[in-house]
């Protein structure tokens, strides 16, 4: 003897699926954004802070000046030779 299958619920099916999947997508995107912030951006910011704690711009300028990087500023060794 065959039993009758229950009729599928068709009314409002799209709406219920959209609600469910929208909530899942929203939760996953918030988790992803938080993960990027804490694991990438905060680490990068801390690396910048650590770099600039010991960075001396004047020392770096003098090093580049002696290498001849700048066209408008002569290295000190050339300026001393001409005097």
PDB file of N, CA and C in Angstrom:
ATOM      1  N   UNK A   1       0.830  -1.167   0.000  1.00  0.00           N
ATOM      2  CA  UNK A   1       0.000   0.000   0.000  1.00  0.00           C
ATOM      3  C   UNK A   1       0.886   1.246   0.000  1.00  0.00           C
ATOM      4  N   UNK A   2       0.679   2.146  -0.896  1.00  0.00           N
ATOM      5  CA  UNK A   2       1.484   3.349  -1.041  1.00  0.00           C
ATOM      6  C   UNK A   2       0.870   4.475  -0.222  1.00  0.00           C
ATOM      7  N   UNK A   3       1.763   5.165   0.499  1.00  0.00           N
ATOM      8  CA  UNK A   3       1.283   6.320   1.263  1.00  0.00           C
ATOM      9  C   UNK A   3       1.513   7.569   0.435  1.00  0.00           C
ATOM     10  N   UNK A   4       0.671   8.529   0.657  1.00  0.00           N
ATOM     11  CA  UNK A   4       0.764   9.776  -0.102  1.00  0.00           C
ATOM     12  C   UNK A   4       1.903  10.634   0.448  1.00  0.00           C
ATOM     13  N   UNK A   5       2.672  11.197  -0.449  1.00  0.00           N
ATOM     14  CA  UNK A   5       3.749  12.095  -0.046  1.00  0.00           C
ATOM     15  C   UNK A   5       3.159  13.436   0.364  1.00  0.00           C
ATOM     16  N   UNK A   6       3.764  14.104   1.347  1.00  0.00           N
ATOM     17  CA  UNK A   6       3.252  15.426   1.711  1.00  0.00           C
ATOM     18  C   UNK A   6       3.536  16.418   0.590  1.00  0.00           C
ATOM     19  N   UNK A   7       2.649  17.345   0.427  1.00  0.00           N
ATOM     20  CA  UNK A   7       2.814  18.339  -0.628  1.00  0.00           C
ATOM     21  C   UNK A   7       3.940  19.298  -0.248  1.00  0.00           C
ATOM     22  N   UNK A   8       4.782  19.694  -1.191  1.00  0.00           N
ATOM     23  CA  UNK A   8       5.869  20.628  -0.875  1.00  0.00           C
ATOM     24  C   UNK A   8       5.323  22.027  -0.591  1.00  0.00           C
ATOM     25  N   UNK A   9       6.011  22.721   0.321  1.00  0.00           N
ATOM     26  CA  UNK A   9       5.607  24.076   0.659  1.00  0.00           C
ATOM     27  C   UNK A   9       6.188  25.007  -0.404  1.00  0.00           C
ATOM     28  N   UNK A  10       5.363  25.589  -1.236  1.00  0.00           N
ATOM     29  CA  UNK A  10       5.837  26.435  -2.318  1.00  0.00           C
ATOM     30  C   UNK A  10       5.600  27.917  -2.034  1.00  0.00           C
ATOM     31  N   UNK A  11       4.572  28.219  -1.269  1.00  0.00           N
ATOM     32  CA  UNK A  11       4.237  29.611  -1.003  1.00  0.00           C
ATOM     33  C   UNK A  11       5.272  30.213  -0.047  1.00  0.00           C
ATOM     34  N   UNK A  12       5.925  31.278  -0.473  1.00  0.00           N
ATOM     35  CA  UNK A  12       6.908  31.960   0.372  1.00  0.00           C
ATOM     36  C   UNK A  12       8.245  31.241   0.445  1.00  0.00           C
ATOM     37  N   UNK A  13       8.483  30.293  -0.414  1.00  0.00           N
ATOM     38  CA  UNK A  13       9.722  29.515  -0.368  1.00  0.00           C
ATOM     39  C   UNK A  13      10.938  30.393  -0.668  1.00  0.00           C
ATOM     40  N   UNK A  14      10.845  31.225  -1.678  1.00  0.00           N
ATOM     41  CA  UNK A  14      11.953  32.106  -2.036  1.00  0.00           C
ATOM     42  C   UNK A  14      12.258  33.078  -0.910  1.00  0.00           C
ATOM     43  N   UNK A  15      11.229  33.625  -0.311  1.00  0.00           N
ATOM     44  CA  UNK A  15      11.418  34.604   0.751  1.00  0.00           C
ATOM     45  C   UNK A  15      12.114  33.979   1.962  1.00  0.00           C
ATOM     46  N   UNK A  16      11.710  32.774   2.327  1.00  0.00           N
ATOM     47  CA  UNK A  16      12.346  32.128   3.478  1.00  0.00           C
ATOM     48  C   UNK A  16      13.799  31.770   3.175  1.00  0.00           C
ATOM     49  N   UNK A  17      14.062  31.316   1.970  1.00  0.00           N
ATOM     50  CA  UNK A  17      15.447  30.997   1.607  1.00  0.00           C
ATOM     51  C   UNK A  17      16.298  32.261   1.546  1.00  0.00           C
ATOM     52  N   UNK A  18      15.754  33.361   1.024  1.00  0.00           N
ATOM     53  CA  UNK A  18      16.511  34.603   0.961  1.00  0.00           C
ATOM     54  C   UNK A  18      16.831  35.128   2.360  1.00  0.00           C
ATOM     55  N   UNK A  19      15.899  35.073   3.276  1.00  0.00           N
ATOM     56  CA  UNK A  19      16.155  35.511   4.651  1.00  0.00           C
ATOM     57  C   UNK A  19      17.293  34.706   5.264  1.00  0.00           C
ATOM     58  N   UNK A  20      17.205  33.406   5.102  1.00  0.00           N
ATOM     59  CA  UNK A  20      18.217  32.512   5.674  1.00  0.00           C
ATOM     60  C   UNK A  20      19.594  32.791   5.085  1.00  0.00           C
ATOM     61  N   UNK A  21      19.672  32.861   3.767  1.00  0.00           N
ATOM     62  CA  UNK A  21      20.966  33.052   3.120  1.00  0.00           C
ATOM     63  C   UNK A  21      21.507  34.470   3.282  1.00  0.00           C
ATOM     64  N   UNK A  22      20.633  35.448   3.422  1.00  0.00           N
ATOM     65  CA  UNK A  22      21.087  36.807   3.691  1.00  0.00           C
ATOM     66  C   UNK A  22      21.739  36.884   5.066  1.00  0.00           C
ATOM     67  N   UNK A  23      21.139  36.253   6.041  1.00  0.00           N
ATOM     68  CA  UNK A  23      21.710  36.263   7.391  1.00  0.00           C
ATOM     69  C   UNK A  23      23.046  35.524   7.418  1.00  0.00           C
ATOM     70  N   UNK A  24      23.132  34.400   6.736  1.00  0.00           N
ATOM     71  CA  UNK A  24      24.394  33.653   6.676  1.00  0.00           C
ATOM     72  C   UNK A  24      25.475  34.503   6.006  1.00  0.00           C
ATOM     73  N   UNK A  25      25.126  35.157   4.908  1.00  0.00           N
ATOM     74  CA  UNK A  25      26.090  36.011   4.208  1.00  0.00           C
ATOM     75  C   UNK A  25      26.533  37.193   5.056  1.00  0.00           C
ATOM     76  N   UNK A  26      25.607  37.795   5.782  1.00  0.00           N
ATOM     77  CA  UNK A  26      25.949  38.938   6.635  1.00  0.00           C
ATOM     78  C   UNK A  26      26.893  38.515   7.751  1.00  0.00           C
ATOM     79  N   UNK A  27      26.633  37.387   8.367  1.00  0.00           N
ATOM     80  CA  UNK A  27      27.491  36.901   9.454  1.00  0.00           C
ATOM     81  C   UNK A  27      28.886  36.567   8.928  1.00  0.00           C
ATOM     82  N   UNK A  28      28.958  35.902   7.793  1.00  0.00           N
ATOM     83  CA  UNK A  28      30.257  35.547   7.226  1.00  0.00           C
ATOM     84  C   UNK A  28      31.045  36.795   6.831  1.00  0.00           C
ATOM     85  N   UNK A  29      30.376  37.801   6.284  1.00  0.00           N
ATOM     86  CA  UNK A  29      31.090  39.012   5.882  1.00  0.00           C
ATOM     87  C   UNK A  29      31.592  39.792   7.097  1.00  0.00           C
ATOM     88  N   UNK A  30      30.836  39.830   8.185  1.00  0.00           N
ATOM     89  CA  UNK A  30      31.298  40.513   9.402  1.00  0.00           C
ATOM     90  C   UNK A  30      32.501  39.775   9.986  1.00  0.00           C
ATOM     91  N   UNK A  31      32.433  38.458  10.005  1.00  0.00           N
ATOM     92  CA  UNK A  31      33.566  37.672  10.510  1.00  0.00           C
ATOM     93  C   UNK A  31      34.795  37.880   9.629  1.00  0.00           C
ATOM     94  N   UNK A  32      34.599  37.912   8.318  1.00  0.00           N
ATOM     95  CA  UNK A  32      35.722  38.138   7.403  1.00  0.00           C
ATOM     96  C   UNK A  32      36.336  39.509   7.573  1.00  0.00           C
ATOM     97  N   UNK A  33      35.496  40.532   7.733  1.00  0.00           N
ATOM     98  CA  UNK A  33      36.008  41.892   7.916  1.00  0.00           C
ATOM     99  C   UNK A  33      36.776  42.007   9.231  1.00  0.00           C
ATOM    100  N   UNK A  34      36.279  41.392  10.279  1.00  0.00           N
ATOM    101  CA  UNK A  34      36.979  41.422  11.559  1.00  0.00           C
ATOM    102  C   UNK A  34      38.315  40.689  11.467  1.00  0.00           C
ATOM    103  N   UNK A  35      38.329  39.565  10.761  1.00  0.00           N
ATOM    104  CA  UNK A  35      39.577  38.813  10.613  1.00  0.00           C
ATOM    105  C   UNK A  35      40.618  39.626   9.849  1.00  0.00           C
ATOM    106  N   UNK A  36      40.206  40.301   8.791  1.00  0.00           N
ATOM    107  CA  UNK A  36      41.143  41.136   8.028  1.00  0.00           C
ATOM    108  C   UNK A  36      41.677  42.265   8.890  1.00  0.00           C
ATOM    109  N   UNK A  37      40.808  42.892   9.658  1.00  0.00           N
ATOM    110  CA  UNK A  37      41.244  44.004  10.507  1.00  0.00           C
ATOM    111  C   UNK A  37      42.264  43.537  11.536  1.00  0.00           C
ATOM    112  N   UNK A  38      41.935  42.460  12.259  1.00  0.00           N
ATOM    113  CA  UNK A  38      42.802  42.050  13.354  1.00  0.00           C
ATOM    114  C   UNK A  38      44.059  41.333  12.892  1.00  0.00           C
ATOM    115  N   UNK A  39      43.980  40.552  11.829  1.00  0.00           N
ATOM    116  CA  UNK A  39      45.137  39.752  11.426  1.00  0.00           C
ATOM    117  C   UNK A  39      46.000  40.410  10.360  1.00  0.00           C
ATOM    118  N   UNK A  40      45.479  41.372   9.620  1.00  0.00           N
ATOM    119  CA  UNK A  40      46.284  42.027   8.587  1.00  0.00           C
ATOM    120  C   UNK A  40      46.548  43.491   8.904  1.00  0.00           C
ATOM    121  N   UNK A  41      45.495  44.263   9.091  1.00  0.00           N
ATOM    122  CA  UNK A  41      45.659  45.705   9.227  1.00  0.00           C
ATOM    123  C   UNK A  41      46.343  46.099  10.526  1.00  0.00           C
ATOM    124  N   UNK A  42      45.936  45.500  11.646  1.00  0.00           N
ATOM    125  CA  UNK A  42      46.570  45.855  12.915  1.00  0.00           C
ATOM    126  C   UNK A  42      48.028  45.430  12.951  1.00  0.00           C
ATOM    127  N   UNK A  43      48.343  44.298  12.337  1.00  0.00           N
ATOM    128  CA  UNK A  43      49.735  43.844  12.281  1.00  0.00           C
ATOM    129  C   UNK A  43      50.561  44.813  11.436  1.00  0.00           C
ATOM    130  N   UNK A  44      49.997  45.255  10.314  1.00  0.00           N
ATOM    131  CA  UNK A  44      50.705  46.196   9.450  1.00  0.00           C
ATOM    132  C   UNK A  44      50.927  47.540  10.157  1.00  0.00           C
ATOM    133  N   UNK A  45      49.908  48.017  10.861  1.00  0.00           N
ATOM    134  CA  UNK A  45      50.055  49.270  11.606  1.00  0.00           C
ATOM    135  C   UNK A  45      51.149  49.146  12.660  1.00  0.00           C
ATOM    136  N   UNK A  46      51.218  48.017  13.343  1.00  0.00           N
ATOM    137  CA  UNK A  46      52.243  47.818  14.364  1.00  0.00           C
ATOM    138  C   UNK A  46      53.632  47.777  13.738  1.00  0.00           C
ATOM    139  N   UNK A  47      53.754  47.205  12.547  1.00  0.00           N
ATOM    140  CA  UNK A  47      55.053  47.198  11.872  1.00  0.00           C
ATOM    141  C   UNK A  47      55.498  48.617  11.514  1.00  0.00           C
ATOM    142  N   UNK A  48      54.550  49.454  11.071  1.00  0.00           N
ATOM    143  CA  UNK A  48      54.886  50.850  10.782  1.00  0.00           C
ATOM    144  C   UNK A  48      55.330  51.576  12.055  1.00  0.00           C
ATOM    145  N   UNK A  49      54.631  51.350  13.152  1.00  0.00           N
ATOM    146  CA  UNK A  49      54.996  51.992  14.419  1.00  0.00           C
ATOM    147  C   UNK A  49      56.392  51.558  14.831  1.00  0.00           C
ATOM    148  N   UNK A  50      56.686  50.269  14.745  1.00  0.00           N
ATOM    149  CA  UNK A  50      58.008  49.776  15.127  1.00  0.00           C
ATOM    150  C   UNK A  50      59.098  50.338  14.226  1.00  0.00           C
ATOM    151  N   UNK A  51      58.805  50.484  12.927  1.00  0.00           N
ATOM    152  CA  UNK A  51      59.800  51.028  12.001  1.00  0.00           C
ATOM    153  C   UNK A  51      60.110  52.483  12.325  1.00  0.00           C
ATOM    154  N   UNK A  52      59.082  53.289  12.545  1.00  0.00           N
ATOM    155  CA  UNK A  52      59.302  54.723  12.760  1.00  0.00           C
ATOM    156  C   UNK A  52      59.792  55.057  14.157  1.00  0.00           C
ATOM    157  N   UNK A  53      59.817  54.090  15.077  1.00  0.00           N
ATOM    158  CA  UNK A  53      60.412  54.334  16.392  1.00  0.00           C
ATOM    159  C   UNK A  53      61.915  54.561  16.262  1.00  0.00           C
ATOM    160  N   UNK A  54      62.546  53.825  15.366  1.00  0.00           N
ATOM    161  CA  UNK A  54      64.000  53.925  15.227  1.00  0.00           C
ATOM    162  C   UNK A  54      64.423  54.589  13.915  1.00  0.00           C
ATOM    163  N   UNK A  55      63.492  55.146  13.161  1.00  0.00           N
ATOM    164  CA  UNK A  55      63.827  55.738  11.865  1.00  0.00           C
ATOM    165  C   UNK A  55      64.328  57.165  12.060  1.00  0.00           C
ATOM    166  N   UNK A  56      65.447  57.470  11.454  1.00  0.00           N
ATOM    167  CA  UNK A  56      66.007  58.820  11.499  1.00  0.00           C
ATOM    168  C   UNK A  56      66.024  59.351  10.070  1.00  0.00           C
ATOM    169  N   UNK A  57      65.158  60.308   9.780  1.00  0.00           N
ATOM    170  CA  UNK A  57      65.015  60.832   8.426  1.00  0.00           C
ATOM    171  C   UNK A  57      66.279  61.567   7.996  1.00  0.00           C
ATOM    172  N   UNK A  58      66.898  62.298   8.906  1.00  0.00           N
ATOM    173  CA  UNK A  58      68.104  63.051   8.555  1.00  0.00           C
ATOM    174  C   UNK A  58      69.251  62.106   8.200  1.00  0.00           C
ATOM    175  N   UNK A  59      69.379  61.028   8.946  1.00  0.00           N
ATOM    176  CA  UNK A  59      70.425  60.043   8.666  1.00  0.00           C
ATOM    177  C   UNK A  59      70.176  59.380   7.306  1.00  0.00           C
ATOM    178  N   UNK A  60      68.930  59.092   7.016  1.00  0.00           N
ATOM    179  CA  UNK A  60      68.586  58.493   5.733  1.00  0.00           C
ATOM    180  C   UNK A  60      68.854  59.466   4.587  1.00  0.00           C
ATOM    181  N   UNK A  61      68.566  60.742   4.812  1.00  0.00           N
ATOM    182  CA  UNK A  61      68.846  61.767   3.804  1.00  0.00           C
ATOM    183  C   UNK A  61      70.346  61.853   3.534  1.00  0.00           C
ATOM    184  N   UNK A  62      71.144  61.860   4.570  1.00  0.00           N
ATOM    185  CA  UNK A  62      72.599  61.938   4.398  1.00  0.00           C
ATOM    186  C   UNK A  62      73.134  60.716   3.649  1.00  0.00           C
ATOM    187  N   UNK A  63      72.585  59.550   3.953  1.00  0.00           N
ATOM    188  CA  UNK A  63      73.013  58.335   3.255  1.00  0.00           C
ATOM    189  C   UNK A  63      72.690  58.419   1.768  1.00  0.00           C
ATOM    190  N   UNK A  64      71.488  58.862   1.430  1.00  0.00           N
ATOM    191  CA  UNK A  64      71.099  58.991   0.026  1.00  0.00           C
ATOM    192  C   UNK A  64      71.876  60.109  -0.655  1.00  0.00           C
ATOM    193  N   UNK A  65      72.188  61.143   0.092  1.00  0.00           N
ATOM    194  CA  UNK A  65      72.960  62.258  -0.468  1.00  0.00           C
ATOM    195  C   UNK A  65      74.355  61.784  -0.870  1.00  0.00           C
ATOM    196  N   UNK A  66      74.977  60.989  -0.037  1.00  0.00           N
ATOM    197  CA  UNK A  66      76.313  60.476  -0.345  1.00  0.00           C
ATOM    198  C   UNK A  66      76.291  59.480  -1.501  1.00  0.00           C
ATOM    199  N   UNK A  67      75.180  58.794  -1.687  1.00  0.00           N
ATOM    200  CA  UNK A  67      75.071  57.866  -2.812  1.00  0.00           C
ATOM    201  C   UNK A  67      74.805  58.584  -4.130  1.00  0.00           C
ATOM    202  N   UNK A  68      74.455  59.870  -4.075  1.00  0.00           N
ATOM    203  CA  UNK A  68      74.202  60.631  -5.283  1.00  0.00           C
ATOM    204  C   UNK A  68      72.800  60.454  -5.835  1.00  0.00           C
ATOM    205  N   UNK A  69      71.849  60.181  -4.972  1.00  0.00           N
ATOM    206  CA  UNK A  69      70.471  59.973  -5.403  1.00  0.00           C
ATOM    207  C   UNK A  69      69.843  61.285  -5.861  1.00  0.00           C
ATOM    208  N   UNK A  70      70.160  62.372  -5.184  1.00  0.00           N
ATOM    209  CA  UNK A  70      69.536  63.658  -5.465  1.00  0.00           C
ATOM    210  C   UNK A  70      70.307  64.427  -6.522  1.00  0.00           C
ATOM    211  N   UNK A  71      69.578  65.082  -7.413  1.00  0.00           N
ATOM    212  CA  UNK A  71      70.225  65.901  -8.434  1.00  0.00           C
ATOM    213  C   UNK A  71      70.481  67.317  -7.932  1.00  0.00           C
ATOM    214  N   UNK A  72      69.687  67.788  -6.998  1.00  0.00           N
ATOM    215  CA  UNK A  72      69.799  69.170  -6.557  1.00  0.00           C
ATOM    216  C   UNK A  72      70.773  69.343  -5.398  1.00  0.00           C
ATOM    217  N   UNK A  73      71.227  68.253  -4.797  1.00  0.00           N
ATOM    218  CA  UNK A  73      72.136  68.336  -3.658  1.00  0.00           C
ATOM    219  C   UNK A  73      73.358  67.492  -3.969  1.00  0.00           C
ATOM    220  N   UNK A  74      74.515  68.131  -3.931  1.00  0.00           N
ATOM    221  CA  UNK A  74      75.749  67.399  -4.181  1.00  0.00           C
ATOM    222  C   UNK A  74      76.172  66.636  -2.933  1.00  0.00           C
ATOM    223  N   UNK A  75      76.815  65.487  -3.106  1.00  0.00           N
ATOM    224  CA  UNK A  75      77.350  64.770  -1.934  1.00  0.00           C
ATOM    225  C   UNK A  75      78.399  65.615  -1.229  1.00  0.00           C
ATOM    226  N   UNK A  76      78.551  65.432   0.059  1.00  0.00           N
ATOM    227  CA  UNK A  76      79.520  66.218   0.834  1.00  0.00           C
ATOM    228  C   UNK A  76      80.938  65.964   0.386  1.00  0.00           C
ATOM    229  N   UNK A  77      81.209  64.759  -0.075  1.00  0.00           N
ATOM    230  CA  UNK A  77      82.571  64.455  -0.532  1.00  0.00           C
ATOM    231  C   UNK A  77      82.922  65.268  -1.771  1.00  0.00           C
ATOM    232  N   UNK A  78      81.979  65.486  -2.691  1.00  0.00           N
ATOM    233  CA  UNK A  78      82.238  66.309  -3.879  1.00  0.00           C
ATOM    234  C   UNK A  78      82.346  67.769  -3.494  1.00  0.00           C
ATOM    235  N   UNK A  79      81.530  68.233  -2.575  1.00  0.00           N
ATOM    236  CA  UNK A  79      81.556  69.625  -2.173  1.00  0.00           C
ATOM    237  C   UNK A  79      82.878  69.938  -1.468  1.00  0.00           C
ATOM    238  N   UNK A  80      83.428  69.003  -0.695  1.00  0.00           N
ATOM    239  CA  UNK A  80      84.678  69.212   0.026  1.00  0.00           C
ATOM    240  C   UNK A  80      85.849  69.226  -0.951  1.00  0.00           C
ATOM    241  N   UNK A  81      85.793  68.448  -2.041  1.00  0.00           N
ATOM    242  CA  UNK A  81      86.863  68.420  -3.016  1.00  0.00           C
ATOM    243  C   UNK A  81      86.978  69.715  -3.801  1.00  0.00           C
ATOM    244  N   UNK A  82      85.835  70.344  -4.059  1.00  0.00           N
ATOM    245  CA  UNK A  82      85.843  71.575  -4.860  1.00  0.00           C
ATOM    246  C   UNK A  82      86.286  72.783  -4.066  1.00  0.00           C
ATOM    247  N   UNK A  83      86.166  72.707  -2.766  1.00  0.00           N
ATOM    248  CA  UNK A  83      86.552  73.868  -1.934  1.00  0.00           C
ATOM    249  C   UNK A  83      87.992  73.871  -1.704  1.00  0.00           C
TER     250      UNK A  83
END
